[in-house]
Amino acid sequence: MGDIYHFSIEDFHNRLDAAKKYLIKEYAVNLLIVAASSVNDGNKAELIVNDAFQEVFKHADQFHSQGAIREFLYNKVKEECDKFNS
């Protein structure tokens, strides 16, 4: 049985795969539910969520807590869904 990973912002800043995988595992399903219920298109929902993760990973050093990362992801997904629906 493997060790349980405990997220650290330093790991995220250093762009460690374990930190990225943790965030995806922690938030992807709920973000997909939010996006899919808004855009009613599973493929588009996946693209929106993927783009949100890519954006947060691209700017990793700008986030100082897991809460800030979570807030960014949800806001980005909601913003992109609103653009899609307008």
PDB file of N, CA and C in Angstrom:
ATOM      1  N   MET A   1       0.845  -1.182   0.000  1.00  0.00           N
ATOM      2  CA  MET A   1       0.000   0.000   0.000  1.00  0.00           C
ATOM      3  C   MET A   1       0.885   1.238   0.000  1.00  0.00           C
ATOM      4  N   GLY A   2       0.578   2.215  -0.880  1.00  0.00           N
ATOM      5  CA  GLY A   2       1.401   3.406  -1.025  1.00  0.00           C
ATOM      6  C   GLY A   2       1.166   4.423   0.071  1.00  0.00           C
ATOM      7  N   ASP A   3       2.098   5.333   0.169  1.00  0.00           N
ATOM      8  CA  ASP A   3       1.969   6.421   1.133  1.00  0.00           C
ATOM      9  C   ASP A   3       0.874   7.380   0.693  1.00  0.00           C
ATOM     10  N   ILE A   4       0.233   7.994   1.648  1.00  0.00           N
ATOM     11  CA  ILE A   4      -0.781   8.998   1.364  1.00  0.00           C
ATOM     12  C   ILE A   4      -0.073  10.334   1.174  1.00  0.00           C
ATOM     13  N   TYR A   5      -0.356  10.996   0.063  1.00  0.00           N
ATOM     14  CA  TYR A   5       0.265  12.284  -0.231  1.00  0.00           C
ATOM     15  C   TYR A   5      -0.488  13.380   0.507  1.00  0.00           C
ATOM     16  N   HIS A   6       0.250  14.270   1.139  1.00  0.00           N
ATOM     17  CA  HIS A   6      -0.327  15.444   1.796  1.00  0.00           C
ATOM     18  C   HIS A   6       0.107  16.673   1.013  1.00  0.00           C
ATOM     19  N   PHE A   7      -0.866  17.360   0.447  1.00  0.00           N
ATOM     20  CA  PHE A   7      -0.602  18.515  -0.404  1.00  0.00           C
ATOM     21  C   PHE A   7       0.208  19.569   0.337  1.00  0.00           C
ATOM     22  N   SER A   8       1.170  20.146  -0.361  1.00  0.00           N
ATOM     23  CA  SER A   8       1.875  21.310   0.168  1.00  0.00           C
ATOM     24  C   SER A   8       1.992  22.347  -0.936  1.00  0.00           C
ATOM     25  N   ILE A   9       1.842  23.584  -0.573  1.00  0.00           N
ATOM     26  CA  ILE A   9       1.925  24.670  -1.545  1.00  0.00           C
ATOM     27  C   ILE A   9       3.329  24.750  -2.143  1.00  0.00           C
ATOM     28  N   GLU A  10       4.337  24.353  -1.379  1.00  0.00           N
ATOM     29  CA  GLU A  10       5.706  24.353  -1.906  1.00  0.00           C
ATOM     30  C   GLU A  10       5.841  23.339  -3.043  1.00  0.00           C
ATOM     31  N   ASP A  11       5.243  22.166  -2.875  1.00  0.00           N
ATOM     32  CA  ASP A  11       5.248  21.172  -3.946  1.00  0.00           C
ATOM     33  C   ASP A  11       4.563  21.722  -5.194  1.00  0.00           C
ATOM     34  N   PHE A  12       3.468  22.430  -4.964  1.00  0.00           N
ATOM     35  CA  PHE A  12       2.735  23.011  -6.089  1.00  0.00           C
ATOM     36  C   PHE A  12       3.576  24.077  -6.780  1.00  0.00           C
ATOM     37  N   HIS A  13       4.199  24.934  -6.003  1.00  0.00           N
ATOM     38  CA  HIS A  13       5.066  25.967  -6.582  1.00  0.00           C
ATOM     39  C   HIS A  13       6.201  25.343  -7.385  1.00  0.00           C
ATOM     40  N   ASN A  14       6.693  24.203  -6.933  1.00  0.00           N
ATOM     41  CA  ASN A  14       7.769  23.495  -7.634  1.00  0.00           C
ATOM     42  C   ASN A  14       7.236  22.596  -8.752  1.00  0.00           C
ATOM     43  N   ARG A  15       5.931  22.667  -8.961  1.00  0.00           N
ATOM     44  CA  ARG A  15       5.255  21.943 -10.037  1.00  0.00           C
ATOM     45  C   ARG A  15       5.485  20.425  -9.993  1.00  0.00           C
ATOM     46  N   LEU A  16       5.474  19.885  -8.790  1.00  0.00           N
ATOM     47  CA  LEU A  16       5.630  18.443  -8.631  1.00  0.00           C
ATOM     48  C   LEU A  16       4.366  17.725  -9.118  1.00  0.00           C
ATOM     49  N   ASP A  17       4.571  16.618  -9.815  1.00  0.00           N
ATOM     50  CA  ASP A  17       3.444  15.853 -10.328  1.00  0.00           C
ATOM     51  C   ASP A  17       2.497  15.411  -9.224  1.00  0.00           C
ATOM     52  N   ALA A  18       3.032  15.063  -8.067  1.00  0.00           N
ATOM     53  CA  ALA A  18       2.177  14.612  -6.960  1.00  0.00           C
ATOM     54  C   ALA A  18       1.192  15.701  -6.546  1.00  0.00           C
ATOM     55  N   ALA A  19       1.628  16.934  -6.527  1.00  0.00           N
ATOM     56  CA  ALA A  19       0.743  18.045  -6.162  1.00  0.00           C
ATOM     57  C   ALA A  19      -0.322  18.249  -7.229  1.00  0.00           C
ATOM     58  N   LYS A  20       0.066  18.170  -8.488  1.00  0.00           N
ATOM     59  CA  LYS A  20      -0.900  18.320  -9.586  1.00  0.00           C
ATOM     60  C   LYS A  20      -1.938  17.204  -9.545  1.00  0.00           C
ATOM     61  N   LYS A  21      -1.464  15.969  -9.381  1.00  0.00           N
ATOM     62  CA  LYS A  21      -2.375  14.825  -9.336  1.00  0.00           C
ATOM     63  C   LYS A  21      -3.335  14.933  -8.164  1.00  0.00           C
ATOM     64  N   TYR A  22      -2.825  15.404  -7.028  1.00  0.00           N
ATOM     65  CA  TYR A  22      -3.676  15.571  -5.855  1.00  0.00           C
ATOM     66  C   TYR A  22      -4.818  16.550  -6.148  1.00  0.00           C
ATOM     67  N   LEU A  23      -4.481  17.689  -6.754  1.00  0.00           N
ATOM     68  CA  LEU A  23      -5.507  18.701  -7.045  1.00  0.00           C
ATOM     69  C   LEU A  23      -6.531  18.186  -8.048  1.00  0.00           C
ATOM     70  N   ILE A  24      -6.058  17.478  -9.050  1.00  0.00           N
ATOM     71  CA  ILE A  24      -6.985  16.918 -10.033  1.00  0.00           C
ATOM     72  C   ILE A  24      -7.923  15.920  -9.358  1.00  0.00           C
ATOM     73  N   LYS A  25      -7.355  15.034  -8.545  1.00  0.00           N
ATOM     74  CA  LYS A  25      -8.175  14.042  -7.845  1.00  0.00           C
ATOM     75  C   LYS A  25      -9.168  14.718  -6.896  1.00  0.00           C
ATOM     76  N   GLU A  26      -8.720  15.774  -6.253  1.00  0.00           N
ATOM     77  CA  GLU A  26      -9.540  16.472  -5.259  1.00  0.00           C
ATOM     78  C   GLU A  26     -10.705  17.253  -5.885  1.00  0.00           C
ATOM     79  N   TYR A  27     -10.492  17.858  -7.056  1.00  0.00           N
ATOM     80  CA  TYR A  27     -11.473  18.816  -7.579  1.00  0.00           C
ATOM     81  C   TYR A  27     -12.089  18.486  -8.931  1.00  0.00           C
ATOM     82  N   ALA A  28     -11.479  17.621  -9.724  1.00  0.00           N
ATOM     83  CA  ALA A  28     -11.937  17.436 -11.107  1.00  0.00           C
ATOM     84  C   ALA A  28     -13.389  16.970 -11.211  1.00  0.00           C
ATOM     85  N   VAL A  29     -13.781  16.009 -10.416  1.00  0.00           N
ATOM     86  CA  VAL A  29     -15.137  15.472 -10.537  1.00  0.00           C
ATOM     87  C   VAL A  29     -16.178  16.552 -10.250  1.00  0.00           C
ATOM     88  N   ASN A  30     -16.008  17.282  -9.168  1.00  0.00           N
ATOM     89  CA  ASN A  30     -16.987  18.320  -8.833  1.00  0.00           C
ATOM     90  C   ASN A  30     -16.977  19.454  -9.850  1.00  0.00           C
ATOM     91  N   LEU A  31     -15.795  19.794 -10.355  1.00  0.00           N
ATOM     92  CA  LEU A  31     -15.729  20.833 -11.390  1.00  0.00           C
ATOM     93  C   LEU A  31     -16.441  20.367 -12.660  1.00  0.00           C
ATOM     94  N   LEU A  32     -16.287  19.105 -12.999  1.00  0.00           N
ATOM     95  CA  LEU A  32     -16.989  18.568 -14.169  1.00  0.00           C
ATOM     96  C   LEU A  32     -18.501  18.588 -13.981  1.00  0.00           C
ATOM     97  N   ILE A  33     -18.951  18.304 -12.783  1.00  0.00           N
ATOM     98  CA  ILE A  33     -20.389  18.362 -12.496  1.00  0.00           C
ATOM     99  C   ILE A  33     -20.897  19.784 -12.669  1.00  0.00           C
ATOM    100  N   VAL A  34     -20.168  20.746 -12.132  1.00  0.00           N
ATOM    101  CA  VAL A  34     -20.551  22.161 -12.269  1.00  0.00           C
ATOM    102  C   VAL A  34     -20.614  22.553 -13.741  1.00  0.00           C
ATOM    103  N   ALA A  35     -19.563  22.223 -14.471  1.00  0.00           N
ATOM    104  CA  ALA A  35     -19.495  22.618 -15.882  1.00  0.00           C
ATOM    105  C   ALA A  35     -20.563  21.913 -16.719  1.00  0.00           C
ATOM    106  N   ALA A  36     -20.697  20.608 -16.546  1.00  0.00           N
ATOM    107  CA  ALA A  36     -21.656  19.848 -17.354  1.00  0.00           C
ATOM    108  C   ALA A  36     -23.087  20.286 -17.096  1.00  0.00           C
ATOM    109  N   SER A  37     -23.397  20.620 -15.858  1.00  0.00           N
ATOM    110  CA  SER A  37     -24.763  21.058 -15.561  1.00  0.00           C
ATOM    111  C   SER A  37     -25.040  22.447 -16.125  1.00  0.00           C
ATOM    112  N   SER A  38     -23.994  23.197 -16.364  1.00  0.00           N
ATOM    113  CA  SER A  38     -24.165  24.543 -16.906  1.00  0.00           C
ATOM    114  C   SER A  38     -24.205  24.560 -18.432  1.00  0.00           C
ATOM    115  N   VAL A  39     -23.310  23.810 -19.062  1.00  0.00           N
ATOM    116  CA  VAL A  39     -23.224  23.872 -20.524  1.00  0.00           C
ATOM    117  C   VAL A  39     -23.978  22.750 -21.232  1.00  0.00           C
ATOM    118  N   ASN A  40     -24.406  21.730 -20.481  1.00  0.00           N
ATOM    119  CA  ASN A  40     -25.148  20.598 -21.049  1.00  0.00           C
ATOM    120  C   ASN A  40     -24.423  19.956 -22.228  1.00  0.00           C
ATOM    121  N   ASP A  41     -23.110  19.889 -22.142  1.00  0.00           N
ATOM    122  CA  ASP A  41     -22.282  19.283 -23.188  1.00  0.00           C
ATOM    123  C   ASP A  41     -21.054  18.707 -22.500  1.00  0.00           C
ATOM    124  N   GLY A  42     -21.014  17.377 -22.369  1.00  0.00           N
ATOM    125  CA  GLY A  42     -19.938  16.722 -21.636  1.00  0.00           C
ATOM    126  C   GLY A  42     -18.559  17.018 -22.184  1.00  0.00           C
ATOM    127  N   ASN A  43     -18.417  17.035 -23.512  1.00  0.00           N
ATOM    128  CA  ASN A  43     -17.107  17.323 -24.107  1.00  0.00           C
ATOM    129  C   ASN A  43     -16.652  18.741 -23.812  1.00  0.00           C
ATOM    130  N   LYS A  44     -17.569  19.690 -23.939  1.00  0.00           N
ATOM    131  CA  LYS A  44     -17.223  21.086 -23.650  1.00  0.00           C
ATOM    132  C   LYS A  44     -16.908  21.244 -22.166  1.00  0.00           C
ATOM    133  N   ALA A  45     -17.645  20.565 -21.309  1.00  0.00           N
ATOM    134  CA  ALA A  45     -17.388  20.632 -19.868  1.00  0.00           C
ATOM    135  C   ALA A  45     -15.976  20.141 -19.556  1.00  0.00           C
ATOM    136  N   GLU A  46     -15.572  19.041 -20.187  1.00  0.00           N
ATOM    137  CA  GLU A  46     -14.223  18.519 -19.973  1.00  0.00           C
ATOM    138  C   GLU A  46     -13.166  19.515 -20.435  1.00  0.00           C
ATOM    139  N   LEU A  47     -13.387  20.150 -21.570  1.00  0.00           N
ATOM    140  CA  LEU A  47     -12.439  21.149 -22.067  1.00  0.00           C
ATOM    141  C   LEU A  47     -12.329  22.340 -21.116  1.00  0.00           C
ATOM    142  N   ILE A  48     -13.462  22.783 -20.602  1.00  0.00           N
ATOM    143  CA  ILE A  48     -13.471  23.921 -19.671  1.00  0.00           C
ATOM    144  C   ILE A  48     -12.682  23.581 -18.417  1.00  0.00           C
ATOM    145  N   VAL A  49     -12.918  22.406 -17.864  1.00  0.00           N
ATOM    146  CA  VAL A  49     -12.216  21.997 -16.642  1.00  0.00           C
ATOM    147  C   VAL A  49     -10.730  21.805 -16.919  1.00  0.00           C
ATOM    148  N   ASN A  50     -10.405  21.175 -18.013  1.00  0.00           N
ATOM    149  CA  ASN A  50      -9.004  20.988 -18.377  1.00  0.00           C
ATOM    150  C   ASN A  50      -8.293  22.333 -18.525  1.00  0.00           C
ATOM    151  N   ASP A  51      -8.935  23.269 -19.194  1.00  0.00           N
ATOM    152  CA  ASP A  51      -8.337  24.598 -19.374  1.00  0.00           C
ATOM    153  C   ASP A  51      -8.124  25.306 -18.032  1.00  0.00           C
ATOM    154  N   ALA A  52      -9.064  25.133 -17.104  1.00  0.00           N
ATOM    155  CA  ALA A  52      -8.919  25.746 -15.783  1.00  0.00           C
ATOM    156  C   ALA A  52      -7.712  25.171 -15.050  1.00  0.00           C
ATOM    157  N   PHE A  53      -7.542  23.855 -15.118  1.00  0.00           N
ATOM    158  CA  PHE A  53      -6.371  23.239 -14.492  1.00  0.00           C
ATOM    159  C   PHE A  53      -5.084  23.696 -15.167  1.00  0.00           C
ATOM    160  N   GLN A  54      -5.075  23.758 -16.481  1.00  0.00           N
ATOM    161  CA  GLN A  54      -3.875  24.210 -17.185  1.00  0.00           C
ATOM    162  C   GLN A  54      -3.502  25.630 -16.764  1.00  0.00           C
ATOM    163  N   GLU A  55      -4.495  26.464 -16.610  1.00  0.00           N
ATOM    164  CA  GLU A  55      -4.252  27.860 -16.208  1.00  0.00           C
ATOM    165  C   GLU A  55      -3.686  27.935 -14.790  1.00  0.00           C
ATOM    166  N   VAL A  56      -4.243  27.169 -13.879  1.00  0.00           N
ATOM    167  CA  VAL A  56      -3.752  27.196 -12.500  1.00  0.00           C
ATOM    168  C   VAL A  56      -2.340  26.624 -12.417  1.00  0.00           C
ATOM    169  N   PHE A  57      -2.050  25.588 -13.194  1.00  0.00           N
ATOM    170  CA  PHE A  57      -0.704  25.017 -13.190  1.00  0.00           C
ATOM    171  C   PHE A  57       0.304  25.984 -13.815  1.00  0.00           C
ATOM    172  N   LYS A  58      -0.127  26.689 -14.828  1.00  0.00           N
ATOM    173  CA  LYS A  58       0.741  27.652 -15.520  1.00  0.00           C
ATOM    174  C   LYS A  58       1.190  28.771 -14.581  1.00  0.00           C
ATOM    175  N   HIS A  59       0.315  29.166 -13.674  1.00  0.00           N
ATOM    176  CA  HIS A  59       0.584  30.289 -12.773  1.00  0.00           C
ATOM    177  C   HIS A  59       0.718  29.820 -11.323  1.00  0.00           C
ATOM    178  N   ALA A  60       1.306  28.651 -11.127  1.00  0.00           N
ATOM    179  CA  ALA A  60       1.393  28.029  -9.804  1.00  0.00           C
ATOM    180  C   ALA A  60       1.969  28.952  -8.740  1.00  0.00           C
ATOM    181  N   ASP A  61       2.987  29.705  -9.088  1.00  0.00           N
ATOM    182  CA  ASP A  61       3.659  30.551  -8.097  1.00  0.00           C
ATOM    183  C   ASP A  61       2.804  31.703  -7.592  1.00  0.00           C
ATOM    184  N   GLN A  62       1.673  31.964  -8.227  1.00  0.00           N
ATOM    185  CA  GLN A  62       0.805  33.066  -7.804  1.00  0.00           C
ATOM    186  C   GLN A  62      -0.196  32.665  -6.721  1.00  0.00           C
ATOM    187  N   PHE A  63      -0.251  31.375  -6.392  1.00  0.00           N
ATOM    188  CA  PHE A  63      -1.208  30.894  -5.402  1.00  0.00           C
ATOM    189  C   PHE A  63      -0.485  30.576  -4.100  1.00  0.00           C
ATOM    190  N   HIS A  64      -1.092  30.984  -2.993  1.00  0.00           N
ATOM    191  CA  HIS A  64      -0.430  30.839  -1.697  1.00  0.00           C
ATOM    192  C   HIS A  64      -1.153  29.901  -0.739  1.00  0.00           C
ATOM    193  N   SER A  65      -2.224  29.265  -1.225  1.00  0.00           N
ATOM    194  CA  SER A  65      -2.936  28.297  -0.386  1.00  0.00           C
ATOM    195  C   SER A  65      -3.787  27.398  -1.274  1.00  0.00           C
ATOM    196  N   GLN A  66      -4.134  26.249  -0.736  1.00  0.00           N
ATOM    197  CA  GLN A  66      -5.018  25.348  -1.468  1.00  0.00           C
ATOM    198  C   GLN A  66      -6.379  25.995  -1.659  1.00  0.00           C
ATOM    199  N   GLY A  67      -6.816  26.768  -0.684  1.00  0.00           N
ATOM    200  CA  GLY A  67      -8.103  27.460  -0.800  1.00  0.00           C
ATOM    201  C   GLY A  67      -8.119  28.438  -1.967  1.00  0.00           C
ATOM    202  N   ALA A  68      -7.018  29.142  -2.186  1.00  0.00           N
ATOM    203  CA  ALA A  68      -6.924  30.081  -3.306  1.00  0.00           C
ATOM    204  C   ALA A  68      -6.963  29.333  -4.636  1.00  0.00           C
ATOM    205  N   ILE A  69      -6.329  28.175  -4.683  1.00  0.00           N
ATOM    206  CA  ILE A  69      -6.350  27.353  -5.896  1.00  0.00           C
ATOM    207  C   ILE A  69      -7.776  26.886  -6.172  1.00  0.00           C
ATOM    208  N   ARG A  70      -8.438  26.370  -5.150  1.00  0.00           N
ATOM    209  CA  ARG A  70      -9.819  25.897  -5.287  1.00  0.00           C
ATOM    210  C   ARG A  70     -10.729  27.027  -5.769  1.00  0.00           C
ATOM    211  N   GLU A  71     -10.608  28.190  -5.153  1.00  0.00           N
ATOM    212  CA  GLU A  71     -11.432  29.338  -5.535  1.00  0.00           C
ATOM    213  C   GLU A  71     -11.194  29.713  -6.996  1.00  0.00           C
ATOM    214  N   PHE A  72      -9.936  29.745  -7.406  1.00  0.00           N
ATOM    215  CA  PHE A  72      -9.619  30.078  -8.783  1.00  0.00           C
ATOM    216  C   PHE A  72     -10.257  29.074  -9.739  1.00  0.00           C
ATOM    217  N   LEU A  73     -10.101  27.777  -9.451  1.00  0.00           N
ATOM    218  CA  LEU A  73     -10.635  26.750 -10.334  1.00  0.00           C
ATOM    219  C   LEU A  73     -12.144  26.887 -10.505  1.00  0.00           C
ATOM    220  N   TYR A  74     -12.861  27.027  -9.406  1.00  0.00           N
ATOM    221  CA  TYR A  74     -14.318  27.140  -9.502  1.00  0.00           C
ATOM    222  C   TYR A  74     -14.730  28.416 -10.212  1.00  0.00           C
ATOM    223  N   ASN A  75     -14.069  29.527  -9.914  1.00  0.00           N
ATOM    224  CA  ASN A  75     -14.411  30.787 -10.584  1.00  0.00           C
ATOM    225  C   ASN A  75     -14.119  30.719 -12.075  1.00  0.00           C
ATOM    226  N   LYS A  76     -12.993  30.120 -12.442  1.00  0.00           N
ATOM    227  CA  LYS A  76     -12.620  29.998 -13.852  1.00  0.00           C
ATOM    228  C   LYS A  76     -13.626  29.133 -14.600  1.00  0.00           C
ATOM    229  N   VAL A  77     -14.018  28.018 -14.010  1.00  0.00           N
ATOM    230  CA  VAL A  77     -15.001  27.143 -14.647  1.00  0.00           C
ATOM    231  C   VAL A  77     -16.334  27.871 -14.817  1.00  0.00           C
ATOM    232  N   LYS A  78     -16.789  28.538 -13.782  1.00  0.00           N
ATOM    233  CA  LYS A  78     -18.065  29.259 -13.869  1.00  0.00           C
ATOM    234  C   LYS A  78     -17.997  30.363 -14.918  1.00  0.00           C
ATOM    235  N   GLU A  79     -16.884  31.084 -14.962  1.00  0.00           N
ATOM    236  CA  GLU A  79     -16.696  32.164 -15.941  1.00  0.00           C
ATOM    237  C   GLU A  79     -16.735  31.615 -17.373  1.00  0.00           C
ATOM    238  N   GLU A  80     -16.045  30.516 -17.621  1.00  0.00           N
ATOM    239  CA  GLU A  80     -16.014  29.927 -18.954  1.00  0.00           C
ATOM    240  C   GLU A  80     -17.377  29.362 -19.346  1.00  0.00           C
ATOM    241  N   CYS A  81     -18.101  28.805 -18.395  1.00  0.00           N
ATOM    242  CA  CYS A  81     -19.444  28.311 -18.670  1.00  0.00           C
ATOM    243  C   CYS A  81     -20.365  29.479 -19.040  1.00  0.00           C
ATOM    244  N   ASP A  82     -20.236  30.584 -18.330  1.00  0.00           N
ATOM    245  CA  ASP A  82     -21.044  31.766 -18.646  1.00  0.00           C
ATOM    246  C   ASP A  82     -20.738  32.274 -20.049  1.00  0.00           C
ATOM    247  N   LYS A  83     -19.462  32.291 -20.422  1.00  0.00           N
ATOM    248  CA  LYS A  83     -19.090  32.720 -21.784  1.00  0.00           C
ATOM    249  C   LYS A  83     -19.706  31.779 -22.827  1.00  0.00           C
ATOM    250  N   PHE A  84     -19.662  30.488 -22.558  1.00  0.00           N
ATOM    251  CA  PHE A  84     -20.205  29.498 -23.489  1.00  0.00           C
ATOM    252  C   PHE A  84     -21.711  29.681 -23.670  1.00  0.00           C
ATOM    253  N   ASN A  85     -22.386  30.026 -22.587  1.00  0.00           N
ATOM    254  CA  ASN A  85     -23.844  30.144 -22.621  1.00  0.00           C
ATOM    255  C   ASN A  85     -24.347  31.503 -23.085  1.00  0.00           C
ATOM    256  N   SER A  86     -23.446  32.454 -23.276  1.00  0.00           N
ATOM    257  CA  SER A  86     -23.930  33.788 -23.690  1.00  0.00           C
ATOM    258  C   SER A  86     -23.929  33.968 -25.181  1.00  0.00           C
TER     259      SER A  86
END
